Amino acid sequence: MDLTFGDKMIVLRKRKKIPRVLLAKKIGVSPASITNYENDVYKPSYKVLVRISDYFEVTTDFLLK
C-alpha cells in the first residue's frame, strides 16, 4: 500500500519526535496547516513543500509520490 503525502508527513514528524506546533513554527505555517497536510485535506504550496523536504532531509519527489 502506498503512503499518501499526509501519511509520510506523520511518519517523518513522529520519527523526529516533533509536535505539530513546533514543526509549523519551523517551516513558517500554522499548526492547522500541518493538520490539514497530514489529513490530506490539501497539499502545501511549492515554497512550503521545499521547506518541509529540507527540514526532514528528504526529496520533494519522495513526499509527492
C-alpha atoms as a PDB file:
ATOM      1  CA  MET A   1       0.000   0.000   0.000  1.00  0.00           C
ATOM      2  CA  ASP A   2       1.336   3.404  -0.946  1.00  0.00           C
ATOM      3  CA  LEU A   3       1.544   6.107   1.668  1.00  0.00           C
ATOM      4  CA  THR A   4      -0.200   9.396   0.998  1.00  0.00           C
ATOM      5  CA  PHE A   5       1.513  12.749   1.393  1.00  0.00           C
ATOM      6  CA  GLY A   6      -0.158  13.093   4.793  1.00  0.00           C
ATOM      7  CA  ASP A   7       0.949   9.634   5.904  1.00  0.00           C
ATOM      8  CA  LYS A   8       4.545  10.465   5.023  1.00  0.00           C
ATOM      9  CA  MET A   9       4.341  13.742   6.948  1.00  0.00           C
ATOM     10  CA  ILE A  10       3.084  11.892  10.025  1.00  0.00           C
ATOM     11  CA  VAL A  11       5.814   9.239   9.810  1.00  0.00           C
ATOM     12  CA  LEU A  12       8.573  11.813   9.346  1.00  0.00           C
ATOM     13  CA  ARG A  13       7.263  14.060  12.112  1.00  0.00           C
ATOM     14  CA  LYS A  14       6.951  11.185  14.584  1.00  0.00           C
ATOM     15  CA  ARG A  15      10.391   9.871  13.633  1.00  0.00           C
ATOM     16  CA  LYS A  16      11.851  13.271  14.599  1.00  0.00           C
ATOM     17  CA  LYS A  17       9.601  13.401  17.666  1.00  0.00           C
ATOM     18  CA  ILE A  18       8.444  16.912  16.862  1.00  0.00           C
ATOM     19  CA  PRO A  19       4.927  18.121  17.708  1.00  0.00           C
ATOM     20  CA  ARG A  20       2.789  19.747  15.010  1.00  0.00           C
ATOM     21  CA  VAL A  21       3.031  23.166  16.658  1.00  0.00           C
ATOM     22  CA  LEU A  22       6.836  23.165  16.622  1.00  0.00           C
ATOM     23  CA  LEU A  23       7.015  21.849  13.059  1.00  0.00           C
ATOM     24  CA  ALA A  24       4.614  24.586  11.976  1.00  0.00           C
ATOM     25  CA  LYS A  25       6.817  27.212  13.578  1.00  0.00           C
ATOM     26  CA  LYS A  26       9.987  25.767  11.996  1.00  0.00           C
ATOM     27  CA  ILE A  27       8.571  25.826   8.449  1.00  0.00           C
ATOM     28  CA  GLY A  28       6.540  29.020   8.775  1.00  0.00           C
ATOM     29  CA  VAL A  29       2.950  27.791   8.603  1.00  0.00           C
ATOM     30  CA  SER A  30       0.089  27.499  11.069  1.00  0.00           C
ATOM     31  CA  PRO A  31      -0.439  24.351  13.156  1.00  0.00           C
ATOM     32  CA  ALA A  32      -3.793  23.978  11.385  1.00  0.00           C
ATOM     33  CA  SER A  33      -1.924  23.763   8.067  1.00  0.00           C
ATOM     34  CA  ILE A  34       0.169  20.865   9.391  1.00  0.00           C
ATOM     35  CA  THR A  35      -3.031  19.100  10.454  1.00  0.00           C
ATOM     36  CA  ASN A  36      -4.551  19.688   7.016  1.00  0.00           C
ATOM     37  CA  TYR A  37      -1.441  18.358   5.273  1.00  0.00           C
ATOM     38  CA  GLU A  38      -1.391  15.267   7.490  1.00  0.00           C
ATOM     39  CA  ASN A  39      -5.097  14.646   6.902  1.00  0.00           C
ATOM     40  CA  ASP A  40      -4.628  15.082   3.145  1.00  0.00           C
ATOM     41  CA  VAL A  41      -7.104  17.962   3.104  1.00  0.00           C
ATOM     42  CA  TYR A  42      -4.667  19.845   0.873  1.00  0.00           C
ATOM     43  CA  LYS A  43      -1.027  19.857  -0.147  1.00  0.00           C
ATOM     44  CA  PRO A  44       1.377  22.684   0.654  1.00  0.00           C
ATOM     45  CA  SER A  45       2.488  25.301  -1.832  1.00  0.00           C
ATOM     46  CA  TYR A  46       5.748  24.597  -3.636  1.00  0.00           C
ATOM     47  CA  LYS A  47       7.579  27.017  -1.339  1.00  0.00           C
ATOM     48  CA  VAL A  48       6.331  25.228   1.793  1.00  0.00           C
ATOM     49  CA  LEU A  49       6.916  21.810   0.221  1.00  0.00           C
ATOM     50  CA  VAL A  50      10.590  22.709  -0.219  1.00  0.00           C
ATOM     51  CA  ARG A  51      10.807  23.836   3.432  1.00  0.00           C
ATOM     52  CA  ILE A  52       9.252  20.538   4.548  1.00  0.00           C
ATOM     53  CA  SER A  53      11.639  18.470   2.429  1.00  0.00           C
ATOM     54  CA  ASP A  54      14.623  20.489   3.685  1.00  0.00           C
ATOM     55  CA  TYR A  55      13.556  20.117   7.303  1.00  0.00           C
ATOM     56  CA  PHE A  56      13.091  16.339   7.052  1.00  0.00           C
ATOM     57  CA  GLU A  57      16.067  15.918   4.686  1.00  0.00           C
ATOM     58  CA  VAL A  58      14.037  14.118   2.027  1.00  0.00           C
ATOM     59  CA  THR A  59      13.334  14.975  -1.594  1.00  0.00           C
ATOM     60  CA  THR A  60      10.162  16.658  -2.764  1.00  0.00           C
ATOM     61  CA  ASP A  61       9.679  13.642  -5.049  1.00  0.00           C
ATOM     62  CA  PHE A  62       9.639  11.355  -2.031  1.00  0.00           C
ATOM     63  CA  LEU A  63       6.908  13.440  -0.424  1.00  0.00           C
ATOM     64  CA  LEU A  64       4.754  13.676  -3.535  1.00  0.00           C
ATOM     65  CA  LYS A  65       5.000  10.151  -4.935  1.00  0.00           C
END
